[in-house]
Every structure is written in C-alpha cells, then in structure tokens.
C-alpha cells in the first residue's frame, strides 16, 4: 500500500492571525469541487474524510499529514477550516497525486 504526505500553511482564525479551530480534509478518486455539477467531479462534502487531521497551528506555520494505506491509483485531496464559531473557509487548492 502507498502513502502520500500532504503539506500546507496554516491559515489564521481571523485573517492571518491566531489559529483556526478544526481542519476537514477530504479525498476522492474524482476531482473535488465546491459544488459538483457533473458525475466526473466530486462535491467537497461528498468526498471521503481523511482520518487523523492535526489540530490547526498558529497562522503561517507549515503542517503535514501522512495518508497511508492507499492502493495504486489517482487521488485528489482538498481541505477546509472552521473557526470557534463554526465559520467555514473556502476550499483549498485541490492536490492530485498518483500512488504507484
């Protein structure tokens, strides 16, 4: 089984200050979009949850997550954050990875 290491820069809570409250990282075998309008794409909230998301760090810090036990194939990953009031961020960029 394969693995991938996801790396991103922590966003802030309010702009570029503080820390968000929680991450939601998703994966799919189809490209992830905010709102799917075709069967060739996957809506963010319909994508699979990635287990073990780390706690958000202070804004600007680099964070990583290793996703393990992936079978060979193509995977797409995306991330959203929420603050203490449950305000949700826009979706991050979508990362496409090939597992051999």
PDB file of N, CA and C in Angstrom:
ATOM      1  N   UNK A   1       0.840  -1.195   0.000  1.00  0.00           N
ATOM      2  CA  UNK A   1       0.000   0.000   0.000  1.00  0.00           C
ATOM      3  C   UNK A   1       0.874   1.243   0.000  1.00  0.00           C
ATOM      4  N   UNK A   2       0.388   2.289  -0.646  1.00  0.00           N
ATOM      5  CA  UNK A   2       1.153   3.513  -0.763  1.00  0.00           C
ATOM      6  C   UNK A   2       0.752   4.549   0.261  1.00  0.00           C
ATOM      7  N   UNK A   3       1.480   5.648   0.252  1.00  0.00           N
ATOM      8  CA  UNK A   3       1.168   6.759   1.140  1.00  0.00           C
ATOM      9  C   UNK A   3       1.517   8.067   0.464  1.00  0.00           C
ATOM     10  N   UNK A   4       0.898   9.141   0.925  1.00  0.00           N
ATOM     11  CA  UNK A   4       1.218  10.485   0.457  1.00  0.00           C
ATOM     12  C   UNK A   4       1.371  11.385   1.679  1.00  0.00           C
ATOM     13  N   UNK A   5       2.207  12.401   1.533  1.00  0.00           N
ATOM     14  CA  UNK A   5       2.383  13.396   2.581  1.00  0.00           C
ATOM     15  C   UNK A   5       1.788  14.701   2.084  1.00  0.00           C
ATOM     16  N   UNK A   6       0.761  15.171   2.762  1.00  0.00           N
ATOM     17  CA  UNK A   6       0.134  16.453   2.444  1.00  0.00           C
ATOM     18  C   UNK A   6       0.798  17.530   3.298  1.00  0.00           C
ATOM     19  N   UNK A   7       1.113  18.658   2.691  1.00  0.00           N
ATOM     20  CA  UNK A   7       1.759  19.767   3.397  1.00  0.00           C
ATOM     21  C   UNK A   7       1.032  21.050   3.040  1.00  0.00           C
ATOM     22  N   UNK A   8       0.763  21.893   4.046  1.00  0.00           N
ATOM     23  CA  UNK A   8       0.093  23.165   3.808  1.00  0.00           C
ATOM     24  C   UNK A   8       0.523  24.171   4.866  1.00  0.00           C
ATOM     25  N   UNK A   9       0.216  25.429   4.602  1.00  0.00           N
ATOM     26  CA  UNK A   9       0.488  26.501   5.549  1.00  0.00           C
ATOM     27  C   UNK A   9      -0.797  26.797   6.316  1.00  0.00           C
ATOM     28  N   UNK A  10      -0.707  26.781   7.630  1.00  0.00           N
ATOM     29  CA  UNK A  10      -1.883  27.012   8.471  1.00  0.00           C
ATOM     30  C   UNK A  10      -2.453  28.404   8.230  1.00  0.00           C
ATOM     31  N   UNK A  11      -3.768  28.488   8.010  1.00  0.00           N
ATOM     32  CA  UNK A  11      -4.405  29.798   7.897  1.00  0.00           C
ATOM     33  C   UNK A  11      -4.651  30.360   9.293  1.00  0.00           C
ATOM     34  N   UNK A  12      -5.047  31.587   9.373  1.00  0.00           N
ATOM     35  CA  UNK A  12      -5.383  32.161  10.671  1.00  0.00           C
ATOM     36  C   UNK A  12      -6.831  31.926  11.035  1.00  0.00           C
ATOM     37  N   UNK A  13      -7.207  32.387  12.208  1.00  0.00           N
ATOM     38  CA  UNK A  13      -8.599  32.341  12.643  1.00  0.00           C
ATOM     39  C   UNK A  13      -9.339  33.516  12.009  1.00  0.00           C
ATOM     40  N   UNK A  14      -8.846  34.699  12.257  1.00  0.00           N
ATOM     41  CA  UNK A  14      -9.411  35.919  11.669  1.00  0.00           C
ATOM     42  C   UNK A  14      -8.333  36.533  10.788  1.00  0.00           C
ATOM     43  N   UNK A  15      -8.420  36.251   9.502  1.00  0.00           N
ATOM     44  CA  UNK A  15      -7.381  36.719   8.593  1.00  0.00           C
ATOM     45  C   UNK A  15      -6.109  35.924   8.807  1.00  0.00           C
ATOM     46  N   UNK A  16      -5.007  36.624   9.028  1.00  0.00           N
ATOM     47  CA  UNK A  16      -3.717  35.945   9.177  1.00  0.00           C
ATOM     48  C   UNK A  16      -3.252  35.900  10.634  1.00  0.00           C
ATOM     49  N   UNK A  17      -4.181  36.031  11.567  1.00  0.00           N
ATOM     50  CA  UNK A  17      -3.830  35.999  12.987  1.00  0.00           C
ATOM     51  C   UNK A  17      -4.500  34.801  13.666  1.00  0.00           C
ATOM     52  N   UNK A  18      -3.863  34.317  14.734  1.00  0.00           N
ATOM     53  CA  UNK A  18      -4.444  33.243  15.523  1.00  0.00           C
ATOM     54  C   UNK A  18      -4.389  31.894  14.824  1.00  0.00           C
ATOM     55  N   UNK A  19      -5.257  30.993  15.277  1.00  0.00           N
ATOM     56  CA  UNK A  19      -5.318  29.641  14.717  1.00  0.00           C
ATOM     57  C   UNK A  19      -6.771  29.257  14.507  1.00  0.00           C
ATOM     58  N   UNK A  20      -7.031  28.537  13.428  1.00  0.00           N
ATOM     59  CA  UNK A  20      -8.369  28.005  13.183  1.00  0.00           C
ATOM     60  C   UNK A  20      -8.685  26.968  14.261  1.00  0.00           C
ATOM     61  N   UNK A  21      -9.914  26.486  14.306  1.00  0.00           N
ATOM     62  CA  UNK A  21     -10.295  25.506  15.324  1.00  0.00           C
ATOM     63  C   UNK A  21     -10.173  24.065  14.846  1.00  0.00           C
ATOM     64  N   UNK A  22     -10.504  23.817  13.578  1.00  0.00           N
ATOM     65  CA  UNK A  22     -10.509  22.432  13.096  1.00  0.00           C
ATOM     66  C   UNK A  22     -10.283  22.398  11.587  1.00  0.00           C
ATOM     67  N   UNK A  23      -9.654  21.321  11.133  1.00  0.00           N
ATOM     68  CA  UNK A  23      -9.491  21.057   9.700  1.00  0.00           C
ATOM     69  C   UNK A  23     -10.473  19.975   9.279  1.00  0.00           C
ATOM     70  N   UNK A  24     -10.901  20.045   8.046  1.00  0.00           N
ATOM     71  CA  UNK A  24     -11.665  18.963   7.418  1.00  0.00           C
ATOM     72  C   UNK A  24     -10.936  18.658   6.123  1.00  0.00           C
ATOM     73  N   UNK A  25     -10.277  17.509   6.073  1.00  0.00           N
ATOM     74  CA  UNK A  25      -9.528  17.106   4.879  1.00  0.00           C
ATOM     75  C   UNK A  25     -10.294  15.973   4.215  1.00  0.00           C
ATOM     76  N   UNK A  26     -10.467  16.094   2.898  1.00  0.00           N
ATOM     77  CA  UNK A  26     -11.247  15.117   2.131  1.00  0.00           C
ATOM     78  C   UNK A  26     -10.414  14.548   0.998  1.00  0.00           C
ATOM     79  N   UNK A  27     -10.790  13.348   0.546  1.00  0.00           N
ATOM     80  CA  UNK A  27     -10.152  12.749  -0.628  1.00  0.00           C
ATOM     81  C   UNK A  27     -11.211  12.123  -1.519  1.00  0.00           C
ATOM     82  N   UNK A  28     -10.862  11.999  -2.786  1.00  0.00           N
ATOM     83  CA  UNK A  28     -11.745  11.374  -3.764  1.00  0.00           C
ATOM     84  C   UNK A  28     -10.906  10.860  -4.918  1.00  0.00           C
ATOM     85  N   UNK A  29     -11.460   9.918  -5.663  1.00  0.00           N
ATOM     86  CA  UNK A  29     -10.806   9.458  -6.891  1.00  0.00           C
ATOM     87  C   UNK A  29     -11.245  10.327  -8.071  1.00  0.00           C
ATOM     88  N   UNK A  30     -12.158  11.256  -7.838  1.00  0.00           N
ATOM     89  CA  UNK A  30     -12.596  12.235  -8.843  1.00  0.00           C
ATOM     90  C   UNK A  30     -12.128  13.619  -8.399  1.00  0.00           C
ATOM     91  N   UNK A  31     -11.938  14.558  -9.332  1.00  0.00           N
ATOM     92  CA  UNK A  31     -11.568  15.918  -8.922  1.00  0.00           C
ATOM     93  C   UNK A  31     -12.597  16.501  -7.949  1.00  0.00           C
ATOM     94  N   UNK A  32     -12.123  17.108  -6.871  1.00  0.00           N
ATOM     95  CA  UNK A  32     -13.002  17.676  -5.843  1.00  0.00           C
ATOM     96  C   UNK A  32     -13.294  19.128  -6.200  1.00  0.00           C
ATOM     97  N   UNK A  33     -14.562  19.486  -6.143  1.00  0.00           N
ATOM     98  CA  UNK A  33     -15.002  20.861  -6.401  1.00  0.00           C
ATOM     99  C   UNK A  33     -15.932  21.292  -5.278  1.00  0.00           C
ATOM    100  N   UNK A  34     -16.141  22.599  -5.150  1.00  0.00           N
ATOM    101  CA  UNK A  34     -17.022  23.129  -4.105  1.00  0.00           C
ATOM    102  C   UNK A  34     -18.444  22.609  -4.289  1.00  0.00           C
ATOM    103  N   UNK A  35     -18.900  22.590  -5.529  1.00  0.00           N
ATOM    104  CA  UNK A  35     -20.261  22.132  -5.832  1.00  0.00           C
ATOM    105  C   UNK A  35     -20.230  21.391  -7.166  1.00  0.00           C
ATOM    106  N   UNK A  36     -20.411  20.080  -7.121  1.00  0.00           N
ATOM    107  CA  UNK A  36     -20.321  19.258  -8.330  1.00  0.00           C
ATOM    108  C   UNK A  36     -21.552  19.439  -9.200  1.00  0.00           C
ATOM    109  N   UNK A  37     -21.326  19.629 -10.498  1.00  0.00           N
ATOM    110  CA  UNK A  37     -22.432  19.761 -11.442  1.00  0.00           C
ATOM    111  C   UNK A  37     -22.374  18.680 -12.517  1.00  0.00           C
ATOM    112  N   UNK A  38     -21.486  17.706 -12.317  1.00  0.00           N
ATOM    113  CA  UNK A  38     -21.319  16.655 -13.307  1.00  0.00           C
ATOM    114  C   UNK A  38     -20.761  15.415 -12.614  1.00  0.00           C
ATOM    115  N   UNK A  39     -21.100  14.250 -13.118  1.00  0.00           N
ATOM    116  CA  UNK A  39     -20.664  12.993 -12.497  1.00  0.00           C
ATOM    117  C   UNK A  39     -19.151  12.783 -12.571  1.00  0.00           C
ATOM    118  N   UNK A  40     -18.435  13.597 -13.345  1.00  0.00           N
ATOM    119  CA  UNK A  40     -16.988  13.442 -13.451  1.00  0.00           C
ATOM    120  C   UNK A  40     -16.250  14.193 -12.342  1.00  0.00           C
ATOM    121  N   UNK A  41     -17.007  14.854 -11.439  1.00  0.00           N
ATOM    122  CA  UNK A  41     -16.412  15.598 -10.330  1.00  0.00           C
ATOM    123  C   UNK A  41     -17.091  15.196  -9.021  1.00  0.00           C
ATOM    124  N   UNK A  42     -16.441  15.530  -7.915  1.00  0.00           N
ATOM    125  CA  UNK A  42     -16.979  15.183  -6.597  1.00  0.00           C
ATOM    126  C   UNK A  42     -17.138  16.444  -5.750  1.00  0.00           C
ATOM    127  N   UNK A  43     -18.330  16.649  -5.212  1.00  0.00           N
ATOM    128  CA  UNK A  43     -18.603  17.737  -4.281  1.00  0.00           C
ATOM    129  C   UNK A  43     -17.741  17.542  -3.037  1.00  0.00           C
ATOM    130  N   UNK A  44     -17.187  18.642  -2.492  1.00  0.00           N
ATOM    131  CA  UNK A  44     -16.324  18.548  -1.308  1.00  0.00           C
ATOM    132  C   UNK A  44     -16.967  17.712  -0.202  1.00  0.00           C
ATOM    133  N   UNK A  45     -18.201  17.990   0.148  1.00  0.00           N
ATOM    134  CA  UNK A  45     -18.827  17.299   1.286  1.00  0.00           C
ATOM    135  C   UNK A  45     -19.214  15.862   0.975  1.00  0.00           C
ATOM    136  N   UNK A  46     -19.213  15.465  -0.301  1.00  0.00           N
ATOM    137  CA  UNK A  46     -19.487  14.070  -0.663  1.00  0.00           C
ATOM    138  C   UNK A  46     -18.197  13.242  -0.708  1.00  0.00           C
ATOM    139  N   UNK A  47     -17.053  13.906  -0.682  1.00  0.00           N
ATOM    140  CA  UNK A  47     -15.768  13.197  -0.707  1.00  0.00           C
ATOM    141  C   UNK A  47     -15.544  12.479   0.627  1.00  0.00           C
ATOM    142  N   UNK A  48     -14.609  11.554   0.629  1.00  0.00           N
ATOM    143  CA  UNK A  48     -14.306  10.760   1.831  1.00  0.00           C
ATOM    144  C   UNK A  48     -13.488  11.573   2.828  1.00  0.00           C
ATOM    145  N   UNK A  49     -13.751  11.372   4.112  1.00  0.00           N
ATOM    146  CA  UNK A  49     -12.969  12.024   5.162  1.00  0.00           C
ATOM    147  C   UNK A  49     -11.599  11.372   5.280  1.00  0.00           C
ATOM    148  N   UNK A  50     -10.588  12.193   5.498  1.00  0.00           N
ATOM    149  CA  UNK A  50      -9.251  11.701   5.816  1.00  0.00           C
ATOM    150  C   UNK A  50      -9.173  11.642   7.337  1.00  0.00           C
ATOM    151  N   UNK A  51      -8.746  10.511   7.855  1.00  0.00           N
ATOM    152  CA  UNK A  51      -8.658  10.351   9.310  1.00  0.00           C
ATOM    153  C   UNK A  51      -7.395  11.005   9.858  1.00  0.00           C
ATOM    154  N   UNK A  52      -7.474  11.473  11.083  1.00  0.00           N
ATOM    155  CA  UNK A  52      -6.294  11.941  11.798  1.00  0.00           C
ATOM    156  C   UNK A  52      -5.810  13.336  11.468  1.00  0.00           C
ATOM    157  N   UNK A  53      -6.736  14.223  11.070  1.00  0.00           N
ATOM    158  CA  UNK A  53      -6.310  15.594  10.786  1.00  0.00           C
ATOM    159  C   UNK A  53      -5.657  16.195  12.030  1.00  0.00           C
ATOM    160  N   UNK A  54      -4.547  16.921  11.841  1.00  0.00           N
ATOM    161  CA  UNK A  54      -3.904  17.541  13.007  1.00  0.00           C
ATOM    162  C   UNK A  54      -4.700  18.751  13.484  1.00  0.00           C
ATOM    163  N   UNK A  55      -4.405  19.180  14.695  1.00  0.00           N
ATOM    164  CA  UNK A  55      -5.008  20.406  15.222  1.00  0.00           C
ATOM    165  C   UNK A  55      -4.363  21.589  14.503  1.00  0.00           C
ATOM    166  N   UNK A  56      -5.148  22.563  14.078  1.00  0.00           N
ATOM    167  CA  UNK A  56      -4.560  23.728  13.410  1.00  0.00           C
ATOM    168  C   UNK A  56      -3.553  24.455  14.297  1.00  0.00           C
ATOM    169  N   UNK A  57      -2.443  24.827  13.698  1.00  0.00           N
ATOM    170  CA  UNK A  57      -1.394  25.577  14.372  1.00  0.00           C
ATOM    171  C   UNK A  57      -1.609  27.073  14.132  1.00  0.00           C
ATOM    172  N   UNK A  58      -0.744  27.888  14.707  1.00  0.00           N
ATOM    173  CA  UNK A  58      -0.797  29.336  14.503  1.00  0.00           C
ATOM    174  C   UNK A  58      -0.618  29.660  13.021  1.00  0.00           C
ATOM    175  N   UNK A  59      -1.260  30.708  12.576  1.00  0.00           N
ATOM    176  CA  UNK A  59      -1.203  31.131  11.179  1.00  0.00           C
ATOM    177  C   UNK A  59       0.240  31.211  10.686  1.00  0.00           C
ATOM    178  N   UNK A  60       0.476  30.694   9.485  1.00  0.00           N
ATOM    179  CA  UNK A  60       1.791  30.763   8.868  1.00  0.00           C
ATOM    180  C   UNK A  60       2.683  29.566   9.101  1.00  0.00           C
ATOM    181  N   UNK A  61       2.323  28.705  10.053  1.00  0.00           N
ATOM    182  CA  UNK A  61       3.140  27.514  10.313  1.00  0.00           C
ATOM    183  C   UNK A  61       2.859  26.448   9.261  1.00  0.00           C
ATOM    184  N   UNK A  62       3.882  25.682   8.919  1.00  0.00           N
ATOM    185  CA  UNK A  62       3.727  24.595   7.962  1.00  0.00           C
ATOM    186  C   UNK A  62       3.225  23.354   8.707  1.00  0.00           C
ATOM    187  N   UNK A  63       2.207  22.712   8.142  1.00  0.00           N
ATOM    188  CA  UNK A  63       1.663  21.494   8.741  1.00  0.00           C
ATOM    189  C   UNK A  63       1.688  20.364   7.732  1.00  0.00           C
ATOM    190  N   UNK A  64       1.774  19.140   8.227  1.00  0.00           N
ATOM    191  CA  UNK A  64       1.775  17.983   7.342  1.00  0.00           C
ATOM    192  C   UNK A  64       0.865  16.894   7.901  1.00  0.00           C
ATOM    193  N   UNK A  65       0.435  16.037   6.999  1.00  0.00           N
ATOM    194  CA  UNK A  65      -0.343  14.855   7.363  1.00  0.00           C
ATOM    195  C   UNK A  65       0.036  13.759   6.399  1.00  0.00           C
ATOM    196  N   UNK A  66       0.393  12.592   6.922  1.00  0.00           N
ATOM    197  CA  UNK A  66       0.699  11.435   6.081  1.00  0.00           C
ATOM    198  C   UNK A  66      -0.562  10.589   5.981  1.00  0.00           C
ATOM    199  N   UNK A  67      -0.993  10.336   4.745  1.00  0.00           N
ATOM    200  CA  UNK A  67      -2.158   9.487   4.480  1.00  0.00           C
ATOM    201  C   UNK A  67      -1.607   8.148   4.004  1.00  0.00           C
ATOM    202  N   UNK A  68      -1.934   7.093   4.744  1.00  0.00           N
ATOM    203  CA  UNK A  68      -1.367   5.776   4.477  1.00  0.00           C
ATOM    204  C   UNK A  68      -2.405   4.805   3.933  1.00  0.00           C
ATOM    205  N   UNK A  69      -1.916   3.615   3.576  1.00  0.00           N
ATOM    206  CA  UNK A  69      -2.759   2.500   3.117  1.00  0.00           C
ATOM    207  C   UNK A  69      -3.569   2.840   1.874  1.00  0.00           C
ATOM    208  N   UNK A  70      -2.945   3.525   0.924  1.00  0.00           N
ATOM    209  CA  UNK A  70      -3.617   3.864  -0.329  1.00  0.00           C
ATOM    210  C   UNK A  70      -3.260   2.830  -1.386  1.00  0.00           C
ATOM    211  N   UNK A  71      -4.259   2.331  -2.088  1.00  0.00           N
ATOM    212  CA  UNK A  71      -3.982   1.415  -3.186  1.00  0.00           C
ATOM    213  C   UNK A  71      -3.512   2.232  -4.388  1.00  0.00           C
ATOM    214  N   UNK A  72      -2.925   1.558  -5.356  1.00  0.00           N
ATOM    215  CA  UNK A  72      -2.445   2.253  -6.553  1.00  0.00           C
ATOM    216  C   UNK A  72      -3.601   2.966  -7.235  1.00  0.00           C
ATOM    217  N   UNK A  73      -3.350   4.176  -7.698  1.00  0.00           N
ATOM    218  CA  UNK A  73      -4.387   4.940  -8.386  1.00  0.00           C
ATOM    219  C   UNK A  73      -4.189   6.430  -8.238  1.00  0.00           C
ATOM    220  N   UNK A  74      -5.175   7.181  -8.712  1.00  0.00           N
ATOM    221  CA  UNK A  74      -5.158   8.641  -8.656  1.00  0.00           C
ATOM    222  C   UNK A  74      -6.077   9.111  -7.541  1.00  0.00           C
ATOM    223  N   UNK A  75      -5.588  10.052  -6.744  1.00  0.00           N
ATOM    224  CA  UNK A  75      -6.365  10.608  -5.640  1.00  0.00           C
ATOM    225  C   UNK A  75      -6.310  12.126  -5.690  1.00  0.00           C
ATOM    226  N   UNK A  76      -7.394  12.746  -5.242  1.00  0.00           N
ATOM    227  CA  UNK A  76      -7.487  14.199  -5.132  1.00  0.00           C
ATOM    228  C   UNK A  76      -7.743  14.519  -3.663  1.00  0.00           C
ATOM    229  N   UNK A  77      -7.068  15.542  -3.145  1.00  0.00           N
ATOM    230  CA  UNK A  77      -7.217  15.963  -1.756  1.00  0.00           C
ATOM    231  C   UNK A  77      -7.538  17.450  -1.701  1.00  0.00           C
ATOM    232  N   UNK A  78      -8.392  17.823  -0.743  1.00  0.00           N
ATOM    233  CA  UNK A  78      -8.730  19.233  -0.509  1.00  0.00           C
ATOM    234  C   UNK A  78      -9.006  19.423   0.978  1.00  0.00           C
ATOM    235  N   UNK A  79      -8.929  20.675   1.426  1.00  0.00           N
ATOM    236  CA  UNK A  79      -9.041  20.990   2.846  1.00  0.00           C
ATOM    237  C   UNK A  79      -9.913  22.225   3.053  1.00  0.00           C
ATOM    238  N   UNK A  80     -10.662  22.207   4.145  1.00  0.00           N
ATOM    239  CA  UNK A  80     -11.385  23.393   4.624  1.00  0.00           C
ATOM    240  C   UNK A  80     -11.054  23.549   6.104  1.00  0.00           C
ATOM    241  N   UNK A  81     -11.195  24.765   6.608  1.00  0.00           N
ATOM    242  CA  UNK A  81     -11.009  25.012   8.041  1.00  0.00           C
ATOM    243  C   UNK A  81     -12.272  25.656   8.606  1.00  0.00           C
ATOM    244  N   UNK A  82     -12.418  25.537   9.910  1.00  0.00           N
ATOM    245  CA  UNK A  82     -13.506  26.220  10.618  1.00  0.00           C
ATOM    246  C   UNK A  82     -12.919  26.887  11.851  1.00  0.00           C
ATOM    247  N   UNK A  83     -13.589  27.984  12.256  1.00  0.00           N
ATOM    248  CA  UNK A  83     -13.149  28.664  13.471  1.00  0.00           C
ATOM    249  C   UNK A  83     -14.043  28.258  14.645  1.00  0.00           C
ATOM    250  N   UNK A  84     -13.834  28.915  15.788  1.00  0.00           N
ATOM    251  CA  UNK A  84     -14.571  28.546  17.009  1.00  0.00           C
ATOM    252  C   UNK A  84     -16.067  28.827  16.905  1.00  0.00           C
ATOM    253  N   UNK A  85     -16.479  29.642  15.934  1.00  0.00           N
ATOM    254  CA  UNK A  85     -17.902  29.927  15.729  1.00  0.00           C
ATOM    255  C   UNK A  85     -18.491  29.091  14.598  1.00  0.00           C
ATOM    256  N   UNK A  86     -17.709  28.114  14.128  1.00  0.00           N
ATOM    257  CA  UNK A  86     -18.116  27.196  13.067  1.00  0.00           C
ATOM    258  C   UNK A  86     -18.203  27.872  11.693  1.00  0.00           C
ATOM    259  N   UNK A  87     -17.554  29.043  11.547  1.00  0.00           N
ATOM    260  CA  UNK A  87     -17.461  29.667  10.227  1.00  0.00           C
ATOM    261  C   UNK A  87     -16.521  28.826   9.377  1.00  0.00           C
ATOM    262  N   UNK A  88     -16.917  28.540   8.149  1.00  0.00           N
ATOM    263  CA  UNK A  88     -16.174  27.654   7.271  1.00  0.00           C
ATOM    264  C   UNK A  88     -15.392  28.445   6.224  1.00  0.00           C
ATOM    265  N   UNK A  89     -14.178  28.001   5.957  1.00  0.00           N
ATOM    266  CA  UNK A  89     -13.355  28.639   4.924  1.00  0.00           C
ATOM    267  C   UNK A  89     -13.804  28.187   3.540  1.00  0.00           C
ATOM    268  N   UNK A  90     -13.275  28.860   2.557  1.00  0.00           N
ATOM    269  CA  UNK A  90     -13.405  28.365   1.192  1.00  0.00           C
ATOM    270  C   UNK A  90     -12.546  27.103   1.083  1.00  0.00           C
ATOM    271  N   UNK A  91     -12.755  26.342   0.050  1.00  0.00           N
ATOM    272  CA  UNK A  91     -11.972  25.133  -0.168  1.00  0.00           C
ATOM    273  C   UNK A  91     -10.559  25.509  -0.613  1.00  0.00           C
ATOM    274  N   UNK A  92      -9.590  24.750  -0.139  1.00  0.00           N
ATOM    275  CA  UNK A  92      -8.195  24.948  -0.540  1.00  0.00           C
ATOM    276  C   UNK A  92      -8.020  24.590  -2.017  1.00  0.00           C
ATOM    277  N   UNK A  93      -6.786  24.743  -2.478  1.00  0.00           N
ATOM    278  CA  UNK A  93      -6.486  24.188  -3.793  1.00  0.00           C
ATOM    279  C   UNK A  93      -6.654  22.663  -3.715  1.00  0.00           C
ATOM    280  N   UNK A  94      -6.841  22.025  -4.844  1.00  0.00           N
ATOM    281  CA  UNK A  94      -7.012  20.584  -4.909  1.00  0.00           C
ATOM    282  C   UNK A  94      -5.694  19.977  -5.394  1.00  0.00           C
ATOM    283  N   UNK A  95      -5.202  18.986  -4.652  1.00  0.00           N
ATOM    284  CA  UNK A  95      -3.945  18.337  -4.982  1.00  0.00           C
ATOM    285  C   UNK A  95      -4.256  16.977  -5.605  1.00  0.00           C
ATOM    286  N   UNK A  96      -3.644  16.718  -6.761  1.00  0.00           N
ATOM    287  CA  UNK A  96      -3.792  15.433  -7.439  1.00  0.00           C
ATOM    288  C   UNK A  96      -2.515  14.637  -7.214  1.00  0.00           C
ATOM    289  N   UNK A  97      -2.642  13.391  -6.749  1.00  0.00           N
ATOM    290  CA  UNK A  97      -1.471  12.540  -6.530  1.00  0.00           C
ATOM    291  C   UNK A  97      -1.684  11.186  -7.192  1.00  0.00           C
ATOM    292  N   UNK A  98      -0.594  10.621  -7.654  1.00  0.00           N
ATOM    293  CA  UNK A  98      -0.604   9.286  -8.241  1.00  0.00           C
ATOM    294  C   UNK A  98       0.128   8.357  -7.282  1.00  0.00           C
ATOM    295  N   UNK A  99      -0.542   7.292  -6.874  1.00  0.00           N
ATOM    296  CA  UNK A  99       0.063   6.297  -5.996  1.00  0.00           C
ATOM    297  C   UNK A  99       0.410   5.093  -6.869  1.00  0.00           C
ATOM    298  N   UNK A 100       1.648   4.687  -6.828  1.00  0.00           N
ATOM    299  CA  UNK A 100       2.110   3.549  -7.648  1.00  0.00           C
ATOM    300  C   UNK A 100       1.999   2.251  -6.902  1.00  0.00           C
TER     301      UNK A 100
END
